[in-house]
Amino acid sequence: MINTKLTNKNIILASGSPRRQQFLKDLQLDFTIQLKEIEEIFPKNLKGKKITEFLARLKASPFTNLKENDILITADTIVWHKNKMLGKPKSEKDAIVMLQNLSGKKHHVFSSICLKSKDKDVVFSDKTTVFFKNLSNEEITYYVNQFKPLDKAGSYGIQEWLGYIGVKKIKGSFFNVMGFPVHKFYKELLQF
């Protein structure tokens, strides 16, 4: 059904994330990847999903020459903990501190996706709550040293070792924690 709805559509993913690229492949979508550098700055008064919605739309803004049959996809994900955004860590030391702060607590993961064509755009979001067990410093250091999670919001991938041993439960979409709420994306793409 999805392939017939998207016949003659040129799907463009503006993301270097290997996970997002894999999700589109797994949905059996034909797409190209186009990346445009943009400084991810947002107004300081934004909180939670308002940040990811703003950034997903901002990432779509450089694409000004879309053709009639183009559908552009941009996305953004953050970890939200104690009323503060945790993005990608700046260093291994930063990653260790982030994970120490998340240990034994719950946090929220917000992801937003922007779909843009020549004539319109739509932004939608999802929220997942993640509950971590108490992580030992040994577990945190091992994970950061072995898995180098410097490209991941909140310094972890739920689909990796730390997710296996550290996540007690989640409320919401597992794939949203990986940075792409696939179920919402599928629904919105069919309606776009």
Protein backbone atom coordinates (compact mmCIF):
# COMPACT_ATOMS: atom_id res chain seq x y z
CA MET A 1 0.00 0.00 0.00
CA ILE A 2 2.71 2.50 0.91
CA ASN A 3 4.65 1.97 -2.33
CA THR A 4 1.62 2.64 -4.56
CA LYS A 5 0.75 5.81 -2.63
CA LEU A 6 4.28 7.06 -3.14
CA THR A 7 4.65 6.21 -6.83
CA ASN A 8 6.39 9.08 -8.63
CA LYS A 9 7.45 10.66 -5.34
CA ASN A 10 11.09 11.56 -4.85
CA ILE A 11 11.82 10.98 -1.17
CA ILE A 12 14.82 12.88 0.23
CA LEU A 13 16.20 12.12 3.68
CA ALA A 14 18.21 15.03 5.07
CA SER A 15 19.92 13.05 7.83
CA GLY A 16 23.32 11.47 8.25
CA SER A 17 21.97 9.17 10.97
CA PRO A 18 22.59 5.52 10.03
CA ARG A 19 19.60 4.54 12.18
CA ARG A 20 17.18 6.83 10.32
CA GLN A 21 18.55 5.64 7.00
CA GLN A 22 18.02 2.01 8.07
CA PHE A 23 14.42 2.69 9.14
CA LEU A 24 13.57 4.01 5.66
CA LYS A 25 15.29 1.02 4.04
CA ASP A 26 13.36 -1.33 6.34
CA LEU A 27 10.12 0.38 5.28
CA GLN A 28 11.19 -0.46 1.70
CA LEU A 29 11.18 3.17 0.62
CA ASP A 30 13.29 4.39 -2.27
CA PHE A 31 15.08 7.54 -1.11
CA THR A 32 18.16 9.64 -1.61
CA ILE A 33 20.24 11.32 1.08
CA GLN A 34 21.00 15.03 0.86
CA LEU A 35 22.79 16.80 3.67
CA LYS A 36 23.01 20.55 4.19
CA GLU A 37 24.98 22.04 7.05
CA ILE A 38 22.96 24.12 9.46
CA GLU A 39 23.75 25.53 12.87
CA GLU A 40 21.31 23.97 15.33
CA ILE A 41 20.44 27.02 17.42
CA PHE A 42 17.00 27.43 18.99
CA PRO A 43 15.36 30.05 21.18
CA LYS A 44 16.29 29.45 24.83
CA ASN A 45 12.67 29.71 26.00
CA LEU A 46 11.70 26.48 24.15
CA LYS A 47 11.23 23.31 26.19
CA GLY A 48 10.82 19.60 25.41
CA LYS A 49 9.18 18.80 22.10
CA LYS A 50 9.10 22.49 21.13
CA ILE A 51 12.90 22.24 20.73
CA THR A 52 12.78 19.20 18.45
CA GLU A 53 9.89 20.65 16.43
CA PHE A 54 11.82 23.89 15.92
CA LEU A 55 15.02 22.05 14.94
CA ALA A 56 13.30 19.60 12.58
CA ARG A 57 11.74 22.56 10.74
CA LEU A 58 15.04 24.47 10.84
CA LYS A 59 16.85 21.52 9.21
CA ALA A 60 14.32 21.64 6.35
CA SER A 61 14.72 25.39 5.79
CA PRO A 62 17.81 25.28 3.49
CA PHE A 63 15.89 23.12 0.99
CA THR A 64 14.26 25.96 -0.95
CA ASN A 65 14.23 24.46 -4.45
CA LEU A 66 12.09 21.36 -3.97
CA LYS A 67 10.43 20.05 -7.12
CA GLU A 68 6.77 19.14 -7.55
CA ASN A 69 7.18 15.45 -6.60
CA ASP A 70 9.78 15.85 -3.81
CA ILE A 71 9.12 14.91 -0.19
CA LEU A 72 11.87 16.02 2.18
CA ILE A 73 12.30 14.35 5.59
CA THR A 74 14.19 15.98 8.47
CA ALA A 75 14.25 14.92 12.11
CA ASP A 76 15.59 15.82 15.52
CA THR A 77 15.80 13.98 18.85
CA ILE A 78 16.67 15.11 22.36
CA VAL A 79 16.73 13.61 25.82
CA TRP A 80 14.83 15.76 28.35
CA HIS A 81 15.86 15.34 31.98
CA LYS A 82 15.09 17.56 34.99
CA ASN A 83 13.68 20.28 32.73
CA LYS A 84 16.91 20.38 30.74
CA MET A 85 17.91 19.24 27.25
CA LEU A 86 20.61 16.62 26.83
CA GLY A 87 21.90 16.58 23.27
CA LYS A 88 24.92 14.72 21.94
CA PRO A 89 27.88 14.64 24.33
CA LYS A 90 30.91 16.80 23.51
CA SER A 91 33.42 14.22 24.78
CA GLU A 92 33.67 10.81 26.46
CA LYS A 93 33.93 12.59 29.82
CA ASP A 94 30.72 14.51 29.03
CA ALA A 95 29.01 11.22 28.06
CA ILE A 96 29.99 9.63 31.39
CA VAL A 97 28.59 12.61 33.35
CA MET A 98 25.32 12.51 31.37
CA LEU A 99 24.85 8.81 32.05
CA GLN A 100 25.66 9.26 35.75
CA ASN A 101 22.89 11.89 35.86
CA LEU A 102 20.40 9.55 34.12
CA SER A 103 21.29 6.55 36.32
CA GLY A 104 18.42 5.34 38.51
CA LYS A 105 16.02 7.95 37.14
CA LYS A 106 13.45 8.44 34.42
CA HIS A 107 13.81 10.80 31.48
CA HIS A 108 11.89 11.63 28.33
CA VAL A 109 12.96 11.29 24.72
CA PHE A 110 11.38 13.67 22.23
CA SER A 111 11.67 13.16 18.48
CA SER A 112 10.15 15.38 15.82
CA ILE A 113 9.94 14.85 12.07
CA CYS A 114 9.31 17.48 9.42
CA LEU A 115 7.86 16.44 6.05
CA LYS A 116 8.23 19.17 3.44
CA SER A 117 7.17 19.47 -0.18
CA LYS A 118 7.22 22.36 -2.61
CA ASP A 119 3.84 23.61 -1.29
CA LYS A 120 3.55 22.57 2.36
CA ASP A 121 5.21 21.18 5.43
CA VAL A 122 4.06 19.32 8.51
CA VAL A 123 5.86 18.66 11.79
CA PHE A 124 4.86 15.94 14.25
CA SER A 125 6.41 14.59 17.43
CA ASP A 126 6.51 11.66 19.79
CA LYS A 127 7.51 11.26 23.43
CA THR A 128 8.84 8.16 25.19
CA THR A 129 9.63 7.90 28.89
CA VAL A 130 12.68 5.77 29.72
CA PHE A 131 13.44 4.36 33.18
CA PHE A 132 17.07 3.48 33.96
CA LYS A 133 18.23 1.16 36.74
CA ASN A 134 21.06 2.35 38.96
CA LEU A 135 24.11 2.11 36.71
CA SER A 136 27.51 1.52 38.28
CA ASN A 137 30.39 3.77 37.28
CA GLU A 138 32.07 0.62 35.93
CA GLU A 139 29.10 -0.10 33.63
CA ILE A 140 28.95 3.51 32.43
CA THR A 141 32.69 3.72 31.74
CA TYR A 142 32.68 0.34 29.96
CA TYR A 143 29.79 1.40 27.73
CA VAL A 144 31.29 4.78 26.81
CA ASN A 145 34.73 3.26 26.11
CA GLN A 146 33.39 0.35 24.05
CA PHE A 147 30.48 1.93 22.19
CA LYS A 148 31.58 5.59 21.80
CA PRO A 149 28.03 7.06 21.98
CA LEU A 150 29.13 10.57 20.96
CA ASP A 151 26.60 10.68 18.10
CA LYS A 152 23.62 9.94 20.35
CA ALA A 153 21.37 12.31 22.29
CA GLY A 154 21.72 11.59 26.00
CA SER A 155 24.91 9.57 25.38
CA TYR A 156 23.26 6.20 24.83
CA GLY A 157 21.60 3.98 22.25
CA ILE A 158 18.72 1.94 23.66
CA GLN A 159 19.47 -0.71 21.02
CA GLU A 160 23.00 -1.18 22.37
CA TRP A 161 24.58 -2.87 25.41
CA LEU A 162 23.58 -0.13 27.87
CA GLY A 163 19.95 -0.37 26.75
CA TYR A 164 20.04 -4.14 27.26
CA ILE A 165 21.39 -3.99 30.80
CA GLY A 166 20.24 -0.58 31.99
CA VAL A 167 16.70 0.18 30.80
CA LYS A 168 14.11 -1.15 33.26
CA LYS A 169 11.07 -0.11 31.23
CA ILE A 170 9.79 2.41 28.72
CA LYS A 171 6.44 4.09 28.16
CA GLY A 172 5.96 4.80 24.49
CA SER A 173 7.70 3.87 21.24
CA PHE A 174 11.02 2.01 21.40
CA PHE A 175 11.95 3.33 17.93
CA ASN A 176 11.31 6.89 19.06
CA VAL A 177 14.15 6.46 21.57
CA MET A 178 16.34 5.49 18.59
CA GLY A 179 15.44 8.85 17.03
CA PHE A 180 12.61 8.05 14.66
CA PRO A 181 8.97 7.36 15.65
CA VAL A 182 8.42 4.99 12.72
CA HIS A 183 4.71 4.33 13.40
CA LYS A 184 3.85 8.05 13.32
CA PHE A 185 6.13 8.66 10.32
CA TYR A 186 4.38 5.91 8.32
CA LYS A 187 0.92 7.31 9.09
CA GLU A 188 1.91 10.92 8.35
CA LEU A 189 3.74 10.02 5.13
CA LEU A 190 0.66 8.25 3.77
CA GLN A 191 -1.47 11.32 4.55
CA PHE A 192 1.03 13.91 3.29
